[in-house]
Amino acid sequence: FFCQSEPTILCFDIDTGLTRTEFETKFPYAYQLAAALHCEEPIDFDKYKDYPGITPEKLKSLHEKHLAAKEEAQK
């Protein structure tokens, strides 16, 4: 908050060096990935493989954490 310069986006724990607008332009499926993390269906890694820092293992782990949090919230 209240920054003098716009911060850059972290993606899978890697600083992209991109502002939010630049990141959204370069990786237009970011919101689709965010939505997919909440769905039970496996996520197609190939669709997001160009994202900085992503690996199949990181994507699977993040997906599992989102599903577990969703399940916990429904209790």
PDB file of N, CA and C in Angstrom:
ATOM      1  N   PHE A   1       0.818  -1.187   0.000  1.00  0.00           N
ATOM      2  CA  PHE A   1       0.000   0.000   0.000  1.00  0.00           C
ATOM      3  C   PHE A   1       0.865   1.254   0.000  1.00  0.00           C
ATOM      4  N   PHE A   2       0.360   2.285  -0.621  1.00  0.00           N
ATOM      5  CA  PHE A   2       0.959   3.620  -0.606  1.00  0.00           C
ATOM      6  C   PHE A   2       2.396   3.643  -1.115  1.00  0.00           C
ATOM      7  N   CYS A   3       2.676   2.808  -2.118  1.00  0.00           N
ATOM      8  CA  CYS A   3       4.021   2.731  -2.696  1.00  0.00           C
ATOM      9  C   CYS A   3       4.277   3.919  -3.627  1.00  0.00           C
ATOM     10  N   GLN A   4       5.522   4.313  -3.734  1.00  0.00           N
ATOM     11  CA  GLN A   4       5.927   5.359  -4.658  1.00  0.00           C
ATOM     12  C   GLN A   4       6.085   4.815  -6.072  1.00  0.00           C
ATOM     13  N   SER A   5       6.370   3.531  -6.166  1.00  0.00           N
ATOM     14  CA  SER A   5       6.460   2.891  -7.481  1.00  0.00           C
ATOM     15  C   SER A   5       5.651   1.601  -7.444  1.00  0.00           C
ATOM     16  N   GLU A   6       5.167   1.194  -8.598  1.00  0.00           N
ATOM     17  CA  GLU A   6       4.332   0.001  -8.673  1.00  0.00           C
ATOM     18  C   GLU A   6       5.190  -1.256  -8.468  1.00  0.00           C
ATOM     19  N   PRO A   7       4.785  -2.122  -7.534  1.00  0.00           N
ATOM     20  CA  PRO A   7       5.557  -3.341  -7.301  1.00  0.00           C
ATOM     21  C   PRO A   7       5.394  -4.317  -8.464  1.00  0.00           C
ATOM     22  N   THR A   8       6.299  -5.261  -8.532  1.00  0.00           N
ATOM     23  CA  THR A   8       6.210  -6.288  -9.572  1.00  0.00           C
ATOM     24  C   THR A   8       5.565  -7.544  -8.994  1.00  0.00           C
ATOM     25  N   ILE A   9       5.083  -8.372  -9.880  1.00  0.00           N
ATOM     26  CA  ILE A   9       4.312  -9.570  -9.536  1.00  0.00           C
ATOM     27  C   ILE A   9       5.231 -10.751  -9.259  1.00  0.00           C
ATOM     28  N   LEU A  10       4.899 -11.481  -8.187  1.00  0.00           N
ATOM     29  CA  LEU A  10       5.525 -12.778  -7.919  1.00  0.00           C
ATOM     30  C   LEU A  10       4.639 -13.843  -8.542  1.00  0.00           C
ATOM     31  N   CYS A  11       5.243 -14.800  -9.199  1.00  0.00           N
ATOM     32  CA  CYS A  11       4.512 -15.907  -9.807  1.00  0.00           C
ATOM     33  C   CYS A  11       5.239 -17.192  -9.436  1.00  0.00           C
ATOM     34  N   PHE A  12       4.566 -18.058  -8.705  1.00  0.00           N
ATOM     35  CA  PHE A  12       5.188 -19.285  -8.225  1.00  0.00           C
ATOM     36  C   PHE A  12       6.539 -18.977  -7.571  1.00  0.00           C
ATOM     37  N   ASP A  13       6.510 -17.966  -6.706  1.00  0.00           N
ATOM     38  CA  ASP A  13       7.649 -17.563  -5.877  1.00  0.00           C
ATOM     39  C   ASP A  13       8.815 -16.951  -6.657  1.00  0.00           C
ATOM     40  N   ILE A  14       8.580 -16.560  -7.887  1.00  0.00           N
ATOM     41  CA  ILE A  14       9.609 -15.928  -8.724  1.00  0.00           C
ATOM     42  C   ILE A  14       9.156 -14.502  -9.031  1.00  0.00           C
ATOM     43  N   ASP A  15      10.048 -13.532  -8.819  1.00  0.00           N
ATOM     44  CA  ASP A  15       9.729 -12.157  -9.183  1.00  0.00           C
ATOM     45  C   ASP A  15       9.807 -12.040 -10.702  1.00  0.00           C
ATOM     46  N   THR A  16       8.683 -11.695 -11.300  1.00  0.00           N
ATOM     47  CA  THR A  16       8.614 -11.625 -12.765  1.00  0.00           C
ATOM     48  C   THR A  16       9.231 -10.345 -13.318  1.00  0.00           C
ATOM     49  N   GLY A  17       9.366  -9.330 -12.470  1.00  0.00           N
ATOM     50  CA  GLY A  17       9.833  -8.037 -12.954  1.00  0.00           C
ATOM     51  C   GLY A  17       8.761  -7.294 -13.724  1.00  0.00           C
ATOM     52  N   LEU A  18       7.535  -7.840 -13.741  1.00  0.00           N
ATOM     53  CA  LEU A  18       6.422  -7.251 -14.477  1.00  0.00           C
ATOM     54  C   LEU A  18       5.432  -6.610 -13.511  1.00  0.00           C
ATOM     55  N   THR A  19       4.870  -5.487 -13.898  1.00  0.00           N
ATOM     56  CA  THR A  19       3.780  -4.907 -13.126  1.00  0.00           C
ATOM     57  C   THR A  19       2.537  -5.766 -13.339  1.00  0.00           C
ATOM     58  N   ARG A  20       1.496  -5.502 -12.575  1.00  0.00           N
ATOM     59  CA  ARG A  20       0.266  -6.284 -12.711  1.00  0.00           C
ATOM     60  C   ARG A  20      -0.281  -6.185 -14.139  1.00  0.00           C
ATOM     61  N   THR A  21      -0.322  -4.993 -14.683  1.00  0.00           N
ATOM     62  CA  THR A  21      -0.838  -4.813 -16.039  1.00  0.00           C
ATOM     63  C   THR A  21       0.021  -5.556 -17.053  1.00  0.00           C
ATOM     64  N   GLU A  22       1.332  -5.446 -16.917  1.00  0.00           N
ATOM     65  CA  GLU A  22       2.233  -6.153 -17.843  1.00  0.00           C
ATOM     66  C   GLU A  22       2.052  -7.663 -17.720  1.00  0.00           C
ATOM     67  N   PHE A  23       1.916  -8.148 -16.486  1.00  0.00           N
ATOM     68  CA  PHE A  23       1.743  -9.584 -16.266  1.00  0.00           C
ATOM     69  C   PHE A  23       0.440 -10.069 -16.899  1.00  0.00           C
ATOM     70  N   GLU A  24      -0.643  -9.334 -16.674  1.00  0.00           N
ATOM     71  CA  GLU A  24      -1.940  -9.737 -17.231  1.00  0.00           C
ATOM     72  C   GLU A  24      -1.925  -9.713 -18.759  1.00  0.00           C
ATOM     73  N   THR A  25      -1.167  -8.816 -19.343  1.00  0.00           N
ATOM     74  CA  THR A  25      -1.057  -8.762 -20.802  1.00  0.00           C
ATOM     75  C   THR A  25      -0.245  -9.950 -21.323  1.00  0.00           C
ATOM     76  N   LYS A  26       0.850 -10.247 -20.658  1.00  0.00           N
ATOM     77  CA  LYS A  26       1.725 -11.327 -21.105  1.00  0.00           C
ATOM     78  C   LYS A  26       1.145 -12.708 -20.812  1.00  0.00           C
ATOM     79  N   PHE A  27       0.398 -12.837 -19.711  1.00  0.00           N
ATOM     80  CA  PHE A  27      -0.166 -14.117 -19.296  1.00  0.00           C
ATOM     81  C   PHE A  27      -1.678 -13.960 -19.115  1.00  0.00           C
ATOM     82  N   PRO A  28      -2.410 -13.900 -20.227  1.00  0.00           N
ATOM     83  CA  PRO A  28      -3.842 -13.586 -20.163  1.00  0.00           C
ATOM     84  C   PRO A  28      -4.708 -14.659 -19.498  1.00  0.00           C
ATOM     85  N   TYR A  29      -4.160 -15.824 -19.235  1.00  0.00           N
ATOM     86  CA  TYR A  29      -4.965 -16.894 -18.634  1.00  0.00           C
ATOM     87  C   TYR A  29      -4.804 -16.977 -17.120  1.00  0.00           C
ATOM     88  N   ALA A  30      -4.235 -15.945 -16.508  1.00  0.00           N
ATOM     89  CA  ALA A  30      -4.000 -15.973 -15.055  1.00  0.00           C
ATOM     90  C   ALA A  30      -5.300 -16.142 -14.284  1.00  0.00           C
ATOM     91  N   TYR A  31      -6.350 -15.456 -14.693  1.00  0.00           N
ATOM     92  CA  TYR A  31      -7.623 -15.573 -13.972  1.00  0.00           C
ATOM     93  C   TYR A  31      -8.267 -16.935 -14.198  1.00  0.00           C
ATOM     94  N   GLN A  32      -8.055 -17.520 -15.360  1.00  0.00           N
ATOM     95  CA  GLN A  32      -8.566 -18.875 -15.605  1.00  0.00           C
ATOM     96  C   GLN A  32      -7.847 -19.875 -14.709  1.00  0.00           C
ATOM     97  N   LEU A  33      -6.547 -19.696 -14.532  1.00  0.00           N
ATOM     98  CA  LEU A  33      -5.806 -20.572 -13.640  1.00  0.00           C
ATOM     99  C   LEU A  33      -6.307 -20.398 -12.213  1.00  0.00           C
ATOM    100  N   ALA A  34      -6.532 -19.177 -11.798  1.00  0.00           N
ATOM    101  CA  ALA A  34      -7.040 -18.926 -10.443  1.00  0.00           C
ATOM    102  C   ALA A  34      -8.371 -19.646 -10.229  1.00  0.00           C
ATOM    103  N   ALA A  35      -9.239 -19.611 -11.210  1.00  0.00           N
ATOM    104  CA  ALA A  35     -10.534 -20.290 -11.101  1.00  0.00           C
ATOM    105  C   ALA A  35     -10.360 -21.809 -11.114  1.00  0.00           C
ATOM    106  N   ALA A  36      -9.456 -22.306 -11.948  1.00  0.00           N
ATOM    107  CA  ALA A  36      -9.234 -23.752 -12.060  1.00  0.00           C
ATOM    108  C   ALA A  36      -8.716 -24.350 -10.757  1.00  0.00           C
ATOM    109  N   LEU A  37      -8.005 -23.555  -9.967  1.00  0.00           N
ATOM    110  CA  LEU A  37      -7.468 -24.061  -8.701  1.00  0.00           C
ATOM    111  C   LEU A  37      -8.567 -24.484  -7.744  1.00  0.00           C
ATOM    112  N   HIS A  38      -9.778 -23.986  -7.933  1.00  0.00           N
ATOM    113  CA  HIS A  38     -10.895 -24.306  -7.050  1.00  0.00           C
ATOM    114  C   HIS A  38     -11.759 -25.442  -7.579  1.00  0.00           C
ATOM    115  N   CYS A  39     -11.425 -25.984  -8.735  1.00  0.00           N
ATOM    116  CA  CYS A  39     -12.194 -27.067  -9.349  1.00  0.00           C
ATOM    117  C   CYS A  39     -11.508 -28.406  -9.109  1.00  0.00           C
ATOM    118  N   GLU A  40     -12.298 -29.442  -9.016  1.00  0.00           N
ATOM    119  CA  GLU A  40     -11.773 -30.789  -8.759  1.00  0.00           C
ATOM    120  C   GLU A  40     -10.974 -31.359  -9.945  1.00  0.00           C
ATOM    121  N   GLU A  41     -11.308 -30.939 -11.154  1.00  0.00           N
ATOM    122  CA  GLU A  41     -10.666 -31.496 -12.347  1.00  0.00           C
ATOM    123  C   GLU A  41      -9.179 -31.159 -12.360  1.00  0.00           C
ATOM    124  N   PRO A  42      -8.368 -32.106 -12.860  1.00  0.00           N
ATOM    125  CA  PRO A  42      -6.935 -31.816 -12.992  1.00  0.00           C
ATOM    126  C   PRO A  42      -6.713 -30.597 -13.897  1.00  0.00           C
ATOM    127  N   ILE A  43      -5.648 -29.854 -13.614  1.00  0.00           N
ATOM    128  CA  ILE A  43      -5.328 -28.663 -14.402  1.00  0.00           C
ATOM    129  C   ILE A  43      -4.325 -29.038 -15.487  1.00  0.00           C
ATOM    130  N   ASP A  44      -4.577 -28.571 -16.693  1.00  0.00           N
ATOM    131  CA  ASP A  44      -3.702 -28.838 -17.826  1.00  0.00           C
ATOM    132  C   ASP A  44      -2.429 -27.990 -17.703  1.00  0.00           C
ATOM    133  N   PHE A  45      -1.355 -28.608 -17.251  1.00  0.00           N
ATOM    134  CA  PHE A  45      -0.090 -27.896 -17.059  1.00  0.00           C
ATOM    135  C   PHE A  45       0.378 -27.210 -18.335  1.00  0.00           C
ATOM    136  N   ASP A  46       0.198 -27.862 -19.483  1.00  0.00           N
ATOM    137  CA  ASP A  46       0.696 -27.310 -20.752  1.00  0.00           C
ATOM    138  C   ASP A  46       0.104 -25.936 -21.064  1.00  0.00           C
ATOM    139  N   LYS A  47      -1.101 -25.672 -20.589  1.00  0.00           N
ATOM    140  CA  LYS A  47      -1.732 -24.377 -20.844  1.00  0.00           C
ATOM    141  C   LYS A  47      -1.008 -23.248 -20.114  1.00  0.00           C
ATOM    142  N   TYR A  48      -0.344 -23.576 -19.000  1.00  0.00           N
ATOM    143  CA  TYR A  48       0.285 -22.563 -18.154  1.00  0.00           C
ATOM    144  C   TYR A  48       1.801 -22.725 -18.042  1.00  0.00           C
ATOM    145  N   LYS A  49       2.384 -23.596 -18.821  1.00  0.00           N
ATOM    146  CA  LYS A  49       3.795 -23.946 -18.667  1.00  0.00           C
ATOM    147  C   LYS A  49       4.770 -22.790 -18.885  1.00  0.00           C
ATOM    148  N   ASP A  50       4.303 -21.712 -19.508  1.00  0.00           N
ATOM    149  CA  ASP A  50       5.175 -20.555 -19.746  1.00  0.00           C
ATOM    150  C   ASP A  50       5.208 -19.577 -18.569  1.00  0.00           C
ATOM    151  N   TYR A  51       4.414 -19.825 -17.542  1.00  0.00           N
ATOM    152  CA  TYR A  51       4.380 -18.928 -16.392  1.00  0.00           C
ATOM    153  C   TYR A  51       5.698 -19.030 -15.630  1.00  0.00           C
ATOM    154  N   PRO A  52       6.247 -17.902 -15.220  1.00  0.00           N
ATOM    155  CA  PRO A  52       7.522 -17.915 -14.491  1.00  0.00           C
ATOM    156  C   PRO A  52       7.434 -18.757 -13.215  1.00  0.00           C
ATOM    157  N   GLY A  53       8.423 -19.610 -13.025  1.00  0.00           N
ATOM    158  CA  GLY A  53       8.532 -20.387 -11.797  1.00  0.00           C
ATOM    159  C   GLY A  53       7.647 -21.616 -11.711  1.00  0.00           C
ATOM    160  N   ILE A  54       6.754 -21.817 -12.658  1.00  0.00           N
ATOM    161  CA  ILE A  54       5.827 -22.942 -12.567  1.00  0.00           C
ATOM    162  C   ILE A  54       6.533 -24.256 -12.907  1.00  0.00           C
ATOM    163  N   THR A  55       6.169 -25.280 -12.190  1.00  0.00           N
ATOM    164  CA  THR A  55       6.572 -26.649 -12.510  1.00  0.00           C
ATOM    165  C   THR A  55       5.333 -27.507 -12.308  1.00  0.00           C
ATOM    166  N   PRO A  56       5.295 -28.695 -12.890  1.00  0.00           N
ATOM    167  CA  PRO A  56       4.137 -29.564 -12.645  1.00  0.00           C
ATOM    168  C   PRO A  56       3.934 -29.830 -11.149  1.00  0.00           C
ATOM    169  N   GLU A  57       5.029 -29.972 -10.431  1.00  0.00           N
ATOM    170  CA  GLU A  57       4.940 -30.258  -8.999  1.00  0.00           C
ATOM    171  C   GLU A  57       4.362 -29.066  -8.222  1.00  0.00           C
ATOM    172  N   LYS A  58       4.821 -27.860  -8.547  1.00  0.00           N
ATOM    173  CA  LYS A  58       4.296 -26.670  -7.868  1.00  0.00           C
ATOM    174  C   LYS A  58       2.815 -26.472  -8.167  1.00  0.00           C
ATOM    175  N   LEU A  59       2.419 -26.686  -9.429  1.00  0.00           N
ATOM    176  CA  LEU A  59       1.019 -26.524  -9.799  1.00  0.00           C
ATOM    177  C   LEU A  59       0.159 -27.558  -9.076  1.00  0.00           C
ATOM    178  N   LYS A  60       0.599 -28.790  -9.036  1.00  0.00           N
ATOM    179  CA  LYS A  60      -0.154 -29.846  -8.355  1.00  0.00           C
ATOM    180  C   LYS A  60      -0.269 -29.543  -6.861  1.00  0.00           C
ATOM    181  N   SER A  61       0.813 -29.123  -6.244  1.00  0.00           N
ATOM    182  CA  SER A  61       0.801 -28.805  -4.820  1.00  0.00           C
ATOM    183  C   SER A  61      -0.148 -27.644  -4.524  1.00  0.00           C
ATOM    184  N   LEU A  62      -0.090 -26.591  -5.328  1.00  0.00           N
ATOM    185  CA  LEU A  62      -0.960 -25.443  -5.128  1.00  0.00           C
ATOM    186  C   LEU A  62      -2.422 -25.845  -5.303  1.00  0.00           C
ATOM    187  N   HIS A  63      -2.699 -26.665  -6.302  1.00  0.00           N
ATOM    188  CA  HIS A  63      -4.064 -27.135  -6.553  1.00  0.00           C
ATOM    189  C   HIS A  63      -4.568 -27.939  -5.358  1.00  0.00           C
ATOM    190  N   GLU A  64      -3.748 -28.826  -4.846  1.00  0.00           N
ATOM    191  CA  GLU A  64      -4.135 -29.632  -3.690  1.00  0.00           C
ATOM    192  C   GLU A  64      -4.413 -28.755  -2.468  1.00  0.00           C
ATOM    193  N   LYS A  65      -3.601 -27.728  -2.257  1.00  0.00           N
ATOM    194  CA  LYS A  65      -3.810 -26.815  -1.126  1.00  0.00           C
ATOM    195  C   LYS A  65      -5.121 -26.049  -1.267  1.00  0.00           C
ATOM    196  N   HIS A  66      -5.429 -25.602  -2.472  1.00  0.00           N
ATOM    197  CA  HIS A  66      -6.693 -24.895  -2.680  1.00  0.00           C
ATOM    198  C   HIS A  66      -7.887 -25.818  -2.425  1.00  0.00           C
ATOM    199  N   LEU A  67      -7.800 -27.039  -2.911  1.00  0.00           N
ATOM    200  CA  LEU A  67      -8.915 -27.976  -2.706  1.00  0.00           C
ATOM    201  C   LEU A  67      -9.071 -28.321  -1.219  1.00  0.00           C
ATOM    202  N   ALA A  68      -7.972 -28.474  -0.521  1.00  0.00           N
ATOM    203  CA  ALA A  68      -8.040 -28.776   0.910  1.00  0.00           C
ATOM    204  C   ALA A  68      -8.652 -27.604   1.680  1.00  0.00           C
ATOM    205  N   ALA A  69      -8.267 -26.398   1.338  1.00  0.00           N
ATOM    206  CA  ALA A  69      -8.830 -25.218   1.998  1.00  0.00           C
ATOM    207  C   ALA A  69     -10.325 -25.084   1.702  1.00  0.00           C
ATOM    208  N   LYS A  70     -10.706 -25.397   0.483  1.00  0.00           N
ATOM    209  CA  LYS A  70     -12.104 -25.347   0.100  1.00  0.00           C
ATOM    210  C   LYS A  70     -12.911 -26.377   0.897  1.00  0.00           C
ATOM    211  N   GLU A  71     -12.360 -27.567   1.025  1.00  0.00           N
ATOM    212  CA  GLU A  71     -13.019 -28.632   1.787  1.00  0.00           C
ATOM    213  C   GLU A  71     -13.142 -28.245   3.264  1.00  0.00           C
ATOM    214  N   GLU A  72     -12.096 -27.679   3.818  1.00  0.00           N
ATOM    215  CA  GLU A  72     -12.105 -27.254   5.222  1.00  0.00           C
ATOM    216  C   GLU A  72     -13.154 -26.163   5.450  1.00  0.00           C
ATOM    217  N   ALA A  73     -13.275 -25.253   4.512  1.00  0.00           N
ATOM    218  CA  ALA A  73     -14.241 -24.156   4.643  1.00  0.00           C
ATOM    219  C   ALA A  73     -15.684 -24.649   4.580  1.00  0.00           C
ATOM    220  N   GLN A  74     -15.892 -25.788   3.940  1.00  0.00           N
ATOM    221  CA  GLN A  74     -17.241 -26.327   3.802  1.00  0.00           C
ATOM    222  C   GLN A  74     -17.686 -27.128   5.030  1.00  0.00           C
ATOM    223  N   LYS A  75     -16.784 -27.344   5.962  1.00  0.00           N
ATOM    224  CA  LYS A  75     -17.132 -28.119   7.169  1.00  0.00           C
ATOM    225  C   LYS A  75     -17.930 -27.290   8.127  1.00  0.00           C
TER     226      LYS A  75
END
